[in-house]
PDB file of N, CA and C in Angstrom:
ATOM      1  N   MET A   1      31.321  -9.745   0.989  1.00  0.00           N
ATOM      2  CA  MET A   1      29.885  -9.967   1.050  1.00  0.00           C
ATOM      3  C   MET A   1      29.583 -10.941   2.182  1.00  0.00           C
ATOM      4  N   ASN A   2      28.569 -10.659   2.949  1.00  0.00           N
ATOM      5  CA  ASN A   2      28.185 -11.467   4.099  1.00  0.00           C
ATOM      6  C   ASN A   2      27.229 -12.560   3.635  1.00  0.00           C
ATOM      7  N   SER A   3      27.735 -13.787   3.510  1.00  0.00           N
ATOM      8  CA  SER A   3      26.907 -14.896   3.026  1.00  0.00           C
ATOM      9  C   SER A   3      26.085 -15.535   4.133  1.00  0.00           C
ATOM     10  N   LYS A   4      26.300 -15.142   5.384  1.00  0.00           N
ATOM     11  CA  LYS A   4      25.552 -15.712   6.506  1.00  0.00           C
ATOM     12  C   LYS A   4      24.207 -15.009   6.706  1.00  0.00           C
ATOM     13  N   ARG A   5      23.979 -13.958   5.964  1.00  0.00           N
ATOM     14  CA  ARG A   5      22.740 -13.202   6.094  1.00  0.00           C
ATOM     15  C   ARG A   5      21.564 -14.018   5.586  1.00  0.00           C
ATOM     16  N   PRO A   6      20.468 -14.060   6.334  1.00  0.00           N
ATOM     17  CA  PRO A   6      19.308 -14.824   5.852  1.00  0.00           C
ATOM     18  C   PRO A   6      18.643 -14.104   4.677  1.00  0.00           C
ATOM     19  N   VAL A   7      18.201 -14.885   3.727  1.00  0.00           N
ATOM     20  CA  VAL A   7      17.519 -14.339   2.563  1.00  0.00           C
ATOM     21  C   VAL A   7      16.130 -14.953   2.525  1.00  0.00           C
ATOM     22  N   ASN A   8      15.125 -14.094   2.554  1.00  0.00           N
ATOM     23  CA  ASN A   8      13.748 -14.555   2.507  1.00  0.00           C
ATOM     24  C   ASN A   8      13.076 -13.910   1.303  1.00  0.00           C
ATOM     25  N   LEU A   9      12.911 -14.658   0.259  1.00  0.00           N
ATOM     26  CA  LEU A   9      12.300 -14.134  -0.946  1.00  0.00           C
ATOM     27  C   LEU A   9      10.841 -14.561  -1.086  1.00  0.00           C
ATOM     28  N   ASP A  10      10.305 -15.213  -0.085  1.00  0.00           N
ATOM     29  CA  ASP A  10       8.914 -15.647  -0.122  1.00  0.00           C
ATOM     30  C   ASP A  10       8.023 -14.484   0.301  1.00  0.00           C
ATOM     31  N   LEU A  11       7.425 -13.795  -0.690  1.00  0.00           N
ATOM     32  CA  LEU A  11       6.634 -12.604  -0.407  1.00  0.00           C
ATOM     33  C   LEU A  11       5.345 -12.907   0.340  1.00  0.00           C
ATOM     34  N   SER A  12       4.924 -14.163   0.353  1.00  0.00           N
ATOM     35  CA  SER A  12       3.713 -14.509   1.097  1.00  0.00           C
ATOM     36  C   SER A  12       3.950 -14.476   2.615  1.00  0.00           C
ATOM     37  N   LYS A  13       5.202 -14.391   3.034  1.00  0.00           N
ATOM     38  CA  LYS A  13       5.531 -14.336   4.462  1.00  0.00           C
ATOM     39  C   LYS A  13       5.347 -12.932   5.030  1.00  0.00           C
ATOM     40  N   PHE A  14       5.330 -11.927   4.159  1.00  0.00           N
ATOM     41  CA  PHE A  14       5.201 -10.545   4.617  1.00  0.00           C
ATOM     42  C   PHE A  14       3.733 -10.201   4.789  1.00  0.00           C
ATOM     43  N   HIS A  15       3.385  -9.604   5.919  1.00  0.00           N
ATOM     44  CA  HIS A  15       2.019  -9.186   6.190  1.00  0.00           C
ATOM     45  C   HIS A  15       2.047  -7.723   6.606  1.00  0.00           C
ATOM     46  N   PHE A  16       1.444  -6.897   5.769  1.00  0.00           N
ATOM     47  CA  PHE A  16       1.398  -5.477   6.072  1.00  0.00           C
ATOM     48  C   PHE A  16       0.236  -5.177   7.008  1.00  0.00           C
ATOM     49  N   PRO A  17       0.397  -4.221   7.916  1.00  0.00           N
ATOM     50  CA  PRO A  17      -0.728  -3.813   8.759  1.00  0.00           C
ATOM     51  C   PRO A  17      -1.760  -3.057   7.921  1.00  0.00           C
ATOM     52  N   LEU A  18      -2.990  -3.007   8.412  1.00  0.00           N
ATOM     53  CA  LEU A  18      -4.083  -2.372   7.669  1.00  0.00           C
ATOM     54  C   LEU A  18      -3.798  -0.913   7.316  1.00  0.00           C
ATOM     55  N   PRO A  19      -3.210  -0.103   8.212  1.00  0.00           N
ATOM     56  CA  PRO A  19      -2.908   1.274   7.801  1.00  0.00           C
ATOM     57  C   PRO A  19      -1.954   1.350   6.607  1.00  0.00           C
ATOM     58  N   ALA A  20      -1.010   0.435   6.520  1.00  0.00           N
ATOM     59  CA  ALA A  20      -0.093   0.425   5.374  1.00  0.00           C
ATOM     60  C   ALA A  20      -0.834   0.033   4.099  1.00  0.00           C
ATOM     61  N   ILE A  21      -1.739  -0.929   4.200  1.00  0.00           N
ATOM     62  CA  ILE A  21      -2.510  -1.357   3.033  1.00  0.00           C
ATOM     63  C   ILE A  21      -3.394  -0.226   2.540  1.00  0.00           C
ATOM     64  N   THR A  22      -4.044   0.494   3.470  1.00  0.00           N
ATOM     65  CA  THR A  22      -4.907   1.599   3.045  1.00  0.00           C
ATOM     66  C   THR A  22      -4.089   2.717   2.415  1.00  0.00           C
ATOM     67  N   SER A  23      -2.874   2.937   2.892  1.00  0.00           N
ATOM     68  CA  SER A  23      -2.007   3.960   2.310  1.00  0.00           C
ATOM     69  C   SER A  23      -1.570   3.567   0.899  1.00  0.00           C
ATOM     70  N   ILE A  24      -1.219   2.301   0.718  1.00  0.00           N
ATOM     71  CA  ILE A  24      -0.824   1.819  -0.610  1.00  0.00           C
ATOM     72  C   ILE A  24      -2.003   1.895  -1.571  1.00  0.00           C
ATOM     73  N   LEU A  25      -3.187   1.510  -1.113  1.00  0.00           N
ATOM     74  CA  LEU A  25      -4.379   1.591  -1.952  1.00  0.00           C
ATOM     75  C   LEU A  25      -4.725   3.028  -2.307  1.00  0.00           C
ATOM     76  N   HIS A  26      -4.426   3.962  -1.397  1.00  0.00           N
ATOM     77  CA  HIS A  26      -4.653   5.376  -1.683  1.00  0.00           C
ATOM     78  C   HIS A  26      -3.793   5.824  -2.856  1.00  0.00           C
ATOM     79  N   ARG A  27      -2.560   5.391  -2.895  1.00  0.00           N
ATOM     80  CA  ARG A  27      -1.664   5.735  -4.002  1.00  0.00           C
ATOM     81  C   ARG A  27      -2.113   5.074  -5.302  1.00  0.00           C
ATOM     82  N   ILE A  28      -2.518   3.795  -5.222  1.00  0.00           N
ATOM     83  CA  ILE A  28      -2.977   3.080  -6.413  1.00  0.00           C
ATOM     84  C   ILE A  28      -4.253   3.712  -6.960  1.00  0.00           C
ATOM     85  N   SER A  29      -5.160   4.105  -6.070  1.00  0.00           N
ATOM     86  CA  SER A  29      -6.398   4.742  -6.533  1.00  0.00           C
ATOM     87  C   SER A  29      -6.102   6.066  -7.219  1.00  0.00           C
ATOM     88  N   GLY A  30      -5.088   6.786  -6.766  1.00  0.00           N
ATOM     89  CA  GLY A  30      -4.685   8.022  -7.438  1.00  0.00           C
ATOM     90  C   GLY A  30      -4.202   7.772  -8.853  1.00  0.00           C
ATOM     91  N   ILE A  31      -3.468   6.692  -9.048  1.00  0.00           N
ATOM     92  CA  ILE A  31      -2.990   6.338 -10.394  1.00  0.00           C
ATOM     93  C   ILE A  31      -4.166   5.954 -11.292  1.00  0.00           C
ATOM     94  N   ILE A  32      -5.107   5.188 -10.748  1.00  0.00           N
ATOM     95  CA  ILE A  32      -6.286   4.791 -11.520  1.00  0.00           C
ATOM     96  C   ILE A  32      -7.093   6.017 -11.935  1.00  0.00           C
ATOM     97  N   ILE A  33      -7.248   6.969 -11.029  1.00  0.00           N
ATOM     98  CA  ILE A  33      -7.971   8.199 -11.352  1.00  0.00           C
ATOM     99  C   ILE A  33      -7.245   8.963 -12.449  1.00  0.00           C
ATOM    100  N   PHE A  34      -5.925   9.072 -12.346  1.00  0.00           N
ATOM    101  CA  PHE A  34      -5.132   9.806 -13.334  1.00  0.00           C
ATOM    102  C   PHE A  34      -5.308   9.209 -14.733  1.00  0.00           C
ATOM    103  N   VAL A  35      -5.236   7.893 -14.832  1.00  0.00           N
ATOM    104  CA  VAL A  35      -5.397   7.230 -16.126  1.00  0.00           C
ATOM    105  C   VAL A  35      -6.851   7.297 -16.587  1.00  0.00           C
ATOM    106  N   GLY A  36      -7.787   7.104 -15.658  1.00  0.00           N
ATOM    107  CA  GLY A  36      -9.204   7.107 -16.004  1.00  0.00           C
ATOM    108  C   GLY A  36      -9.696   8.448 -16.503  1.00  0.00           C
ATOM    109  N   ILE A  37      -9.111   9.531 -15.998  1.00  0.00           N
ATOM    110  CA  ILE A  37      -9.514  10.873 -16.438  1.00  0.00           C
ATOM    111  C   ILE A  37      -9.295  11.026 -17.942  1.00  0.00           C
ATOM    112  N   ALA A  38      -8.250  10.425 -18.483  1.00  0.00           N
ATOM    113  CA  ALA A  38      -7.986  10.525 -19.920  1.00  0.00           C
ATOM    114  C   ALA A  38      -9.146   9.928 -20.722  1.00  0.00           C
ATOM    115  N   PHE A  39      -9.621   8.770 -20.298  1.00  0.00           N
ATOM    116  CA  PHE A  39     -10.744   8.136 -20.995  1.00  0.00           C
ATOM    117  C   PHE A  39     -12.029   8.952 -20.840  1.00  0.00           C
ATOM    118  N   LEU A  40     -12.256   9.463 -19.650  1.00  0.00           N
ATOM    119  CA  LEU A  40     -13.462  10.255 -19.417  1.00  0.00           C
ATOM    120  C   LEU A  40     -13.433  11.559 -20.210  1.00  0.00           C
ATOM    121  N   LEU A  41     -12.266  12.191 -20.291  1.00  0.00           N
ATOM    122  CA  LEU A  41     -12.163  13.424 -21.073  1.00  0.00           C
ATOM    123  C   LEU A  41     -12.344  13.154 -22.568  1.00  0.00           C
ATOM    124  N   TYR A  42     -11.824  12.023 -23.044  1.00  0.00           N
ATOM    125  CA  TYR A  42     -12.036  11.667 -24.448  1.00  0.00           C
ATOM    126  C   TYR A  42     -13.526  11.456 -24.714  1.00  0.00           C
ATOM    127  N   GLY A  43     -14.215  10.770 -23.819  1.00  0.00           N
ATOM    128  CA  GLY A  43     -15.655  10.574 -23.977  1.00  0.00           C
ATOM    129  C   GLY A  43     -16.410  11.887 -23.946  1.00  0.00           C
ATOM    130  N   LEU A  44     -15.997  12.805 -23.086  1.00  0.00           N
ATOM    131  CA  LEU A  44     -16.628  14.121 -23.032  1.00  0.00           C
ATOM    132  C   LEU A  44     -16.398  14.886 -24.327  1.00  0.00           C
ATOM    133  N   GLN A  45     -15.171  14.861 -24.809  1.00  0.00           N
ATOM    134  CA  GLN A  45     -14.857  15.562 -26.060  1.00  0.00           C
ATOM    135  C   GLN A  45     -15.646  14.981 -27.224  1.00  0.00           C
ATOM    136  N   LEU A  46     -15.757  13.666 -27.280  1.00  0.00           N
ATOM    137  CA  LEU A  46     -16.509  13.014 -28.354  1.00  0.00           C
ATOM    138  C   LEU A  46     -17.988  13.340 -28.241  1.00  0.00           C
ATOM    139  N   SER A  47     -18.513  13.357 -27.033  1.00  0.00           N
ATOM    140  CA  SER A  47     -19.947  13.637 -26.864  1.00  0.00           C
ATOM    141  C   SER A  47     -20.288  15.087 -27.192  1.00  0.00           C
ATOM    142  N   LEU A  48     -19.326  15.979 -27.044  1.00  0.00           N
ATOM    143  CA  LEU A  48     -19.564  17.387 -27.352  1.00  0.00           C
ATOM    144  C   LEU A  48     -19.286  17.741 -28.811  1.00  0.00           C
ATOM    145  N   SER A  49     -18.788  16.766 -29.581  1.00  0.00           N
ATOM    146  CA  SER A  49     -18.449  17.041 -30.987  1.00  0.00           C
ATOM    147  C   SER A  49     -19.681  17.154 -31.872  1.00  0.00           C
ATOM    148  N   GLY A  50     -20.779  16.629 -31.449  1.00  0.00           N
ATOM    149  CA  GLY A  50     -21.999  16.705 -32.233  1.00  0.00           C
ATOM    150  C   GLY A  50     -22.956  15.602 -31.834  1.00  0.00           C
ATOM    151  N   GLU A  51     -24.084  15.569 -32.542  1.00  0.00           N
ATOM    152  CA  GLU A  51     -25.117  14.589 -32.203  1.00  0.00           C
ATOM    153  C   GLU A  51     -24.644  13.161 -32.419  1.00  0.00           C
ATOM    154  N   SER A  52     -23.895  12.938 -33.493  1.00  0.00           N
ATOM    155  CA  SER A  52     -23.422  11.572 -33.761  1.00  0.00           C
ATOM    156  C   SER A  52     -22.416  11.120 -32.700  1.00  0.00           C
ATOM    157  N   GLY A  53     -21.543  12.036 -32.259  1.00  0.00           N
ATOM    158  CA  GLY A  53     -20.594  11.701 -31.199  1.00  0.00           C
ATOM    159  C   GLY A  53     -21.292  11.431 -29.883  1.00  0.00           C
ATOM    160  N   PHE A  54     -22.329  12.227 -29.592  1.00  0.00           N
ATOM    161  CA  PHE A  54     -23.098  12.017 -28.366  1.00  0.00           C
ATOM    162  C   PHE A  54     -23.789  10.666 -28.396  1.00  0.00           C
ATOM    163  N   ASN A  55     -24.375  10.317 -29.552  1.00  0.00           N
ATOM    164  CA  ASN A  55     -25.039   9.015 -29.668  1.00  0.00           C
ATOM    165  C   ASN A  55     -24.044   7.866 -29.550  1.00  0.00           C
ATOM    166  N   ALA A  56     -22.846   8.051 -30.097  1.00  0.00           N
ATOM    167  CA  ALA A  56     -21.818   7.002 -30.008  1.00  0.00           C
ATOM    168  C   ALA A  56     -21.408   6.771 -28.554  1.00  0.00           C
ATOM    169  N   VAL A  57     -21.196   7.861 -27.810  1.00  0.00           N
ATOM    170  CA  VAL A  57     -20.820   7.733 -26.393  1.00  0.00           C
ATOM    171  C   VAL A  57     -21.976   7.137 -25.597  1.00  0.00           C
ATOM    172  N   SER A  58     -23.188   7.568 -25.907  1.00  0.00           N
ATOM    173  CA  SER A  58     -24.365   7.040 -25.202  1.00  0.00           C
ATOM    174  C   SER A  58     -24.520   5.540 -25.428  1.00  0.00           C
ATOM    175  N   ASN A  59     -24.319   5.107 -26.662  1.00  0.00           N
ATOM    176  CA  ASN A  59     -24.393   3.664 -26.961  1.00  0.00           C
ATOM    177  C   ASN A  59     -23.264   2.902 -26.294  1.00  0.00           C
ATOM    178  N   LEU A  60     -22.080   3.500 -26.272  1.00  0.00           N
ATOM    179  CA  LEU A  60     -20.929   2.847 -25.649  1.00  0.00           C
ATOM    180  C   LEU A  60     -21.153   2.671 -24.141  1.00  0.00           C
ATOM    181  N   LEU A  61     -21.733   3.682 -23.507  1.00  0.00           N
ATOM    182  CA  LEU A  61     -21.940   3.614 -22.062  1.00  0.00           C
ATOM    183  C   LEU A  61     -23.035   2.641 -21.658  1.00  0.00           C
ATOM    184  N   ASP A  62     -23.782   2.123 -22.622  1.00  0.00           N
ATOM    185  CA  ASP A  62     -24.781   1.103 -22.324  1.00  0.00           C
ATOM    186  C   ASP A  62     -24.176  -0.292 -22.214  1.00  0.00           C
ATOM    187  N   SER A  63     -22.919  -0.459 -22.637  1.00  0.00           N
ATOM    188  CA  SER A  63     -22.300  -1.783 -22.615  1.00  0.00           C
ATOM    189  C   SER A  63     -21.821  -2.138 -21.204  1.00  0.00           C
ATOM    190  N   PHE A  64     -21.712  -3.433 -20.953  1.00  0.00           N
ATOM    191  CA  PHE A  64     -21.283  -3.947 -19.647  1.00  0.00           C
ATOM    192  C   PHE A  64     -19.868  -3.488 -19.321  1.00  0.00           C
ATOM    193  N   LEU A  65     -18.956  -3.593 -20.305  1.00  0.00           N
ATOM    194  CA  LEU A  65     -17.557  -3.243 -20.074  1.00  0.00           C
ATOM    195  C   LEU A  65     -17.404  -1.760 -19.733  1.00  0.00           C
ATOM    196  N   ALA A  66     -18.137  -0.896 -20.424  1.00  0.00           N
ATOM    197  CA  ALA A  66     -18.050   0.535 -20.142  1.00  0.00           C
ATOM    198  C   ALA A  66     -18.575   0.850 -18.747  1.00  0.00           C
ATOM    199  N   LYS A  67     -19.669   0.199 -18.361  1.00  0.00           N
ATOM    200  CA  LYS A  67     -20.195   0.419 -17.019  1.00  0.00           C
ATOM    201  C   LYS A  67     -19.216  -0.067 -15.962  1.00  0.00           C
ATOM    202  N   LEU A  68     -18.546  -1.178 -16.238  1.00  0.00           N
ATOM    203  CA  LEU A  68     -17.549  -1.702 -15.313  1.00  0.00           C
ATOM    204  C   LEU A  68     -16.374  -0.732 -15.173  1.00  0.00           C
ATOM    205  N   ILE A  69     -15.935  -0.157 -16.284  1.00  0.00           N
ATOM    206  CA  ILE A  69     -14.821   0.795 -16.254  1.00  0.00           C
ATOM    207  C   ILE A  69     -15.223   2.064 -15.508  1.00  0.00           C
ATOM    208  N   VAL A  70     -16.403   2.581 -15.790  1.00  0.00           N
ATOM    209  CA  VAL A  70     -16.882   3.784 -15.103  1.00  0.00           C
ATOM    210  C   VAL A  70     -17.016   3.510 -13.605  1.00  0.00           C
ATOM    211  N   TRP A  71     -17.545   2.346 -13.247  1.00  0.00           N
ATOM    212  CA  TRP A  71     -17.668   1.987 -11.841  1.00  0.00           C
ATOM    213  C   TRP A  71     -16.290   1.865 -11.186  1.00  0.00           C
ATOM    214  N   GLY A  72     -15.326   1.318 -11.908  1.00  0.00           N
ATOM    215  CA  GLY A  72     -13.966   1.204 -11.387  1.00  0.00           C
ATOM    216  C   GLY A  72     -13.333   2.561 -11.134  1.00  0.00           C
ATOM    217  N   ILE A  73     -13.493   3.479 -12.078  1.00  0.00           N
ATOM    218  CA  ILE A  73     -12.941   4.825 -11.906  1.00  0.00           C
ATOM    219  C   ILE A  73     -13.648   5.539 -10.762  1.00  0.00           C
ATOM    220  N   LEU A  74     -14.961   5.401 -10.714  1.00  0.00           N
ATOM    221  CA  LEU A  74     -15.731   6.020  -9.633  1.00  0.00           C
ATOM    222  C   LEU A  74     -15.362   5.415  -8.278  1.00  0.00           C
ATOM    223  N   SER A  75     -15.119   4.115  -8.243  1.00  0.00           N
ATOM    224  CA  SER A  75     -14.702   3.458  -6.995  1.00  0.00           C
ATOM    225  C   SER A  75     -13.349   3.982  -6.536  1.00  0.00           C
ATOM    226  N   ALA A  76     -12.420   4.132  -7.477  1.00  0.00           N
ATOM    227  CA  ALA A  76     -11.103   4.678  -7.134  1.00  0.00           C
ATOM    228  C   ALA A  76     -11.240   6.101  -6.613  1.00  0.00           C
ATOM    229  N   LEU A  77     -12.101   6.881  -7.241  1.00  0.00           N
ATOM    230  CA  LEU A  77     -12.311   8.259  -6.815  1.00  0.00           C
ATOM    231  C   LEU A  77     -12.898   8.315  -5.400  1.00  0.00           C
ATOM    232  N   LEU A  78     -13.878   7.474  -5.120  1.00  0.00           N
ATOM    233  CA  LEU A  78     -14.496   7.461  -3.793  1.00  0.00           C
ATOM    234  C   LEU A  78     -13.507   7.004  -2.721  1.00  0.00           C
ATOM    235  N   TYR A  79     -12.744   5.948  -3.013  1.00  0.00           N
ATOM    236  CA  TYR A  79     -11.757   5.480  -2.032  1.00  0.00           C
ATOM    237  C   TYR A  79     -10.710   6.565  -1.793  1.00  0.00           C
ATOM    238  N   HIS A  80     -10.247   7.180  -2.873  1.00  0.00           N
ATOM    239  CA  HIS A  80      -9.228   8.212  -2.767  1.00  0.00           C
ATOM    240  C   HIS A  80      -9.742   9.394  -1.936  1.00  0.00           C
ATOM    241  N   LEU A  81     -11.009   9.729  -2.116  1.00  0.00           N
ATOM    242  CA  LEU A  81     -11.625  10.813  -1.347  1.00  0.00           C
ATOM    243  C   LEU A  81     -11.663  10.476   0.142  1.00  0.00           C
ATOM    244  N   VAL A  82     -12.140   9.286   0.479  1.00  0.00           N
ATOM    245  CA  VAL A  82     -12.253   8.892   1.882  1.00  0.00           C
ATOM    246  C   VAL A  82     -10.864   8.797   2.528  1.00  0.00           C
ATOM    247  N   ALA A  83      -9.924   8.175   1.834  1.00  0.00           N
ATOM    248  CA  ALA A  83      -8.567   8.051   2.394  1.00  0.00           C
ATOM    249  C   ALA A  83      -7.898   9.421   2.479  1.00  0.00           C
ATOM    250  N   GLY A  84      -8.172  10.298   1.535  1.00  0.00           N
ATOM    251  CA  GLY A  84      -7.617  11.649   1.581  1.00  0.00           C
ATOM    252  C   GLY A  84      -8.143  12.435   2.764  1.00  0.00           C
ATOM    253  N   ILE A  85      -9.440  12.283   3.062  1.00  0.00           N
ATOM    254  CA  ILE A  85     -10.011  12.947   4.241  1.00  0.00           C
ATOM    255  C   ILE A  85      -9.360  12.397   5.508  1.00  0.00           C
ATOM    256  N   LYS A  86      -9.131  11.081   5.536  1.00  0.00           N
ATOM    257  CA  LYS A  86      -8.448  10.489   6.703  1.00  0.00           C
ATOM    258  C   LYS A  86      -7.048  11.089   6.859  1.00  0.00           C
ATOM    259  N   HIS A  87      -6.334  11.248   5.743  1.00  0.00           N
ATOM    260  CA  HIS A  87      -4.990  11.835   5.811  1.00  0.00           C
ATOM    261  C   HIS A  87      -5.042  13.295   6.262  1.00  0.00           C
ATOM    262  N   LEU A  88      -6.046  14.037   5.809  1.00  0.00           N
ATOM    263  CA  LEU A  88      -6.179  15.429   6.250  1.00  0.00           C
ATOM    264  C   LEU A  88      -6.442  15.511   7.750  1.00  0.00           C
ATOM    265  N   ILE A  89      -7.280  14.616   8.250  1.00  0.00           N
ATOM    266  CA  ILE A  89      -7.553  14.587   9.691  1.00  0.00           C
ATOM    267  C   ILE A  89      -6.281  14.232  10.461  1.00  0.00           C
ATOM    268  N   MET A  90      -5.521  13.289   9.925  1.00  0.00           N
ATOM    269  CA  MET A  90      -4.262  12.928  10.589  1.00  0.00           C
ATOM    270  C   MET A  90      -3.260  14.079  10.528  1.00  0.00           C
ATOM    271  N   ASP A  91      -3.281  14.871   9.454  1.00  0.00           N
ATOM    272  CA  ASP A  91      -2.394  16.033   9.363  1.00  0.00           C
ATOM    273  C   ASP A  91      -2.722  17.080  10.416  1.00  0.00           C
ATOM    274  N   MET A  92      -3.967  17.095  10.897  1.00  0.00           N
ATOM    275  CA  MET A  92      -4.358  18.027  11.956  1.00  0.00           C
ATOM    276  C   MET A  92      -3.971  17.497  13.337  1.00  0.00           C
ATOM    277  N   GLY A  93      -3.404  16.299  13.398  1.00  0.00           N
ATOM    278  CA  GLY A  93      -2.910  15.767  14.657  1.00  0.00           C
ATOM    279  C   GLY A  93      -3.796  14.731  15.313  1.00  0.00           C
ATOM    280  N   TYR A  94      -4.872  14.357  14.660  1.00  0.00           N
ATOM    281  CA  TYR A  94      -5.778  13.348  15.226  1.00  0.00           C
ATOM    282  C   TYR A  94      -5.497  11.990  14.591  1.00  0.00           C
ATOM    283  N   GLY A  95      -5.547  10.953  15.375  1.00  0.00           N
ATOM    284  CA  GLY A  95      -5.409   9.602  14.844  1.00  0.00           C
ATOM    285  C   GLY A  95      -3.986   9.210  14.510  1.00  0.00           C
ATOM    286  N   GLU A  96      -3.014   9.816  15.158  1.00  0.00           N
ATOM    287  CA  GLU A  96      -1.626   9.486  14.870  1.00  0.00           C
ATOM    288  C   GLU A  96      -1.086   8.349  15.738  1.00  0.00           C
ATOM    289  N   GLU A  97      -1.822   8.010  16.782  1.00  0.00           N
ATOM    290  CA  GLU A  97      -1.386   6.907  17.641  1.00  0.00           C
ATOM    291  C   GLU A  97      -1.691   5.578  16.948  1.00  0.00           C
ATOM    292  N   LEU A  98      -1.057   4.523  17.424  1.00  0.00           N
ATOM    293  CA  LEU A  98      -1.199   3.218  16.792  1.00  0.00           C
ATOM    294  C   LEU A  98      -2.644   2.737  16.799  1.00  0.00           C
ATOM    295  N   HIS A  99      -3.294   2.803  17.947  1.00  0.00           N
ATOM    296  CA  HIS A  99      -4.666   2.305  18.055  1.00  0.00           C
ATOM    297  C   HIS A  99      -5.622   3.134  17.200  1.00  0.00           C
ATOM    298  N   SER A 100      -5.521   4.454  17.297  1.00  0.00           N
ATOM    299  CA  SER A 100      -6.436   5.301  16.517  1.00  0.00           C
ATOM    300  C   SER A 100      -6.119   5.233  15.030  1.00  0.00           C
ATOM    301  N   GLY A 101      -4.870   4.991  14.664  1.00  0.00           N
ATOM    302  CA  GLY A 101      -4.514   4.812  13.253  1.00  0.00           C
ATOM    303  C   GLY A 101      -5.147   3.565  12.670  1.00  0.00           C
ATOM    304  N   ARG A 102      -5.141   2.493  13.455  1.00  0.00           N
ATOM    305  CA  ARG A 102      -5.802   1.254  13.008  1.00  0.00           C
ATOM    306  C   ARG A 102      -7.312   1.448  12.893  1.00  0.00           C
ATOM    307  N   LEU A 103      -7.878   2.159  13.851  1.00  0.00           N
ATOM    308  CA  LEU A 103      -9.313   2.431  13.825  1.00  0.00           C
ATOM    309  C   LEU A 103      -9.678   3.293  12.618  1.00  0.00           C
ATOM    310  N   ALA A 104      -8.857   4.286  12.319  1.00  0.00           N
ATOM    311  CA  ALA A 104      -9.104   5.144  11.153  1.00  0.00           C
ATOM    312  C   ALA A 104      -8.980   4.354   9.855  1.00  0.00           C
ATOM    313  N   ALA A 105      -8.039   3.414   9.802  1.00  0.00           N
ATOM    314  CA  ALA A 105      -7.892   2.587   8.606  1.00  0.00           C
ATOM    315  C   ALA A 105      -9.111   1.691   8.412  1.00  0.00           C
ATOM    316  N   LYS A 106      -9.620   1.122   9.510  1.00  0.00           N
ATOM    317  CA  LYS A 106     -10.827   0.298   9.428  1.00  0.00           C
ATOM    318  C   LYS A 106     -12.015   1.133   8.979  1.00  0.00           C
ATOM    319  N   ALA A 107     -12.135   2.340   9.523  1.00  0.00           N
ATOM    320  CA  ALA A 107     -13.233   3.231   9.129  1.00  0.00           C
ATOM    321  C   ALA A 107     -13.122   3.600   7.658  1.00  0.00           C
ATOM    322  N   THR A 108     -11.897   3.821   7.177  1.00  0.00           N
ATOM    323  CA  THR A 108     -11.687   4.137   5.767  1.00  0.00           C
ATOM    324  C   THR A 108     -12.184   3.009   4.880  1.00  0.00           C
ATOM    325  N   VAL A 109     -11.851   1.783   5.242  1.00  0.00           N
ATOM    326  CA  VAL A 109     -12.271   0.635   4.447  1.00  0.00           C
ATOM    327  C   VAL A 109     -13.791   0.480   4.475  1.00  0.00           C
ATOM    328  N   VAL A 110     -14.387   0.575   5.651  1.00  0.00           N
ATOM    329  CA  VAL A 110     -15.841   0.382   5.778  1.00  0.00           C
ATOM    330  C   VAL A 110     -16.606   1.460   5.024  1.00  0.00           C
ATOM    331  N   ILE A 111     -16.239   2.715   5.230  1.00  0.00           N
ATOM    332  CA  ILE A 111     -16.931   3.812   4.544  1.00  0.00           C
ATOM    333  C   ILE A 111     -16.744   3.701   3.037  1.00  0.00           C
ATOM    334  N   SER A 112     -15.545   3.353   2.595  1.00  0.00           N
ATOM    335  CA  SER A 112     -15.273   3.218   1.162  1.00  0.00           C
ATOM    336  C   SER A 112     -16.098   2.096   0.546  1.00  0.00           C
ATOM    337  N   VAL A 113     -16.171   0.962   1.226  1.00  0.00           N
ATOM    338  CA  VAL A 113     -16.945  -0.164   0.693  1.00  0.00           C
ATOM    339  C   VAL A 113     -18.419   0.220   0.564  1.00  0.00           C
ATOM    340  N   ILE A 114     -18.948   0.909   1.554  1.00  0.00           N
ATOM    341  CA  ILE A 114     -20.353   1.342   1.484  1.00  0.00           C
ATOM    342  C   ILE A 114     -20.562   2.270   0.291  1.00  0.00           C
ATOM    343  N   LEU A 115     -19.674   3.259   0.140  1.00  0.00           N
ATOM    344  CA  LEU A 115     -19.808   4.200  -0.969  1.00  0.00           C
ATOM    345  C   LEU A 115     -19.624   3.521  -2.327  1.00  0.00           C
ATOM    346  N   ILE A 116     -18.705   2.572  -2.414  1.00  0.00           N
ATOM    347  CA  ILE A 116     -18.462   1.870  -3.679  1.00  0.00           C
ATOM    348  C   ILE A 116     -19.658   1.011  -4.056  1.00  0.00           C
ATOM    349  N   VAL A 117     -20.265   0.347  -3.076  1.00  0.00           N
ATOM    350  CA  VAL A 117     -21.475  -0.443  -3.352  1.00  0.00           C
ATOM    351  C   VAL A 117     -22.603   0.473  -3.821  1.00  0.00           C
ATOM    352  N   LEU A 118     -22.776   1.615  -3.156  1.00  0.00           N
ATOM    353  CA  LEU A 118     -23.805   2.567  -3.579  1.00  0.00           C
ATOM    354  C   LEU A 118     -23.535   3.097  -4.984  1.00  0.00           C
ATOM    355  N   ALA A 119     -22.263   3.329  -5.303  1.00  0.00           N
ATOM    356  CA  ALA A 119     -21.922   3.769  -6.653  1.00  0.00           C
ATOM    357  C   ALA A 119     -22.216   2.677  -7.675  1.00  0.00           C
ATOM    358  N   GLY A 120     -21.973   1.424  -7.294  1.00  0.00           N
ATOM    359  CA  GLY A 120     -22.299   0.314  -8.198  1.00  0.00           C
ATOM    360  C   GLY A 120     -23.784   0.221  -8.471  1.00  0.00           C
ATOM    361  N   VAL A 121     -24.592   0.447  -7.440  1.00  0.00           N
ATOM    362  CA  VAL A 121     -26.040   0.452  -7.637  1.00  0.00           C
ATOM    363  C   VAL A 121     -26.438   1.593  -8.561  1.00  0.00           C
ATOM    364  N   TRP A 122     -25.807   2.740  -8.403  1.00  0.00           N
ATOM    365  CA  TRP A 122     -26.130   3.907  -9.224  1.00  0.00           C
ATOM    366  C   TRP A 122     -25.715   3.698 -10.682  1.00  0.00           C
ATOM    367  N   VAL A 123     -24.525   3.115 -10.909  1.00  0.00           N
ATOM    368  CA  VAL A 123     -24.032   2.910 -12.276  1.00  0.00           C
ATOM    369  C   VAL A 123     -24.841   1.849 -13.002  1.00  0.00           C
ATOM    370  N   TRP A 124     -25.195   0.763 -12.329  1.00  0.00           N
ATOM    371  CA  TRP A 124     -25.893  -0.333 -12.997  1.00  0.00           C
ATOM    372  C   TRP A 124     -27.358  -0.021 -13.076  1.00  0.00           C
TER     373      TRP A 124
END
């Protein structure tokens, strides 16, 4: 074993470039959507079970926590959509250079933030 090798376990020293962060967030948003769909489908099933189930879901969706969860799932969906479109454009051969990749990552963040804020206004 080579004991002269430097060991750096301080994770605060690592700085990822913006394209890497947007790619990681794209994967995380996919996981959030996958888990969130289960809750949304349960709410749909309950609301379709009858008038009492519909009223229960309607009352639940009036709470702050439910609105926050719905906004979170919707935010993940919007970010995932914007980042997915960026990936599709890159698959066509555009934006693969370093400079254009950084520009596309910045555009992804800006467009996503605008859409997420608009979704927050719509949910609240």
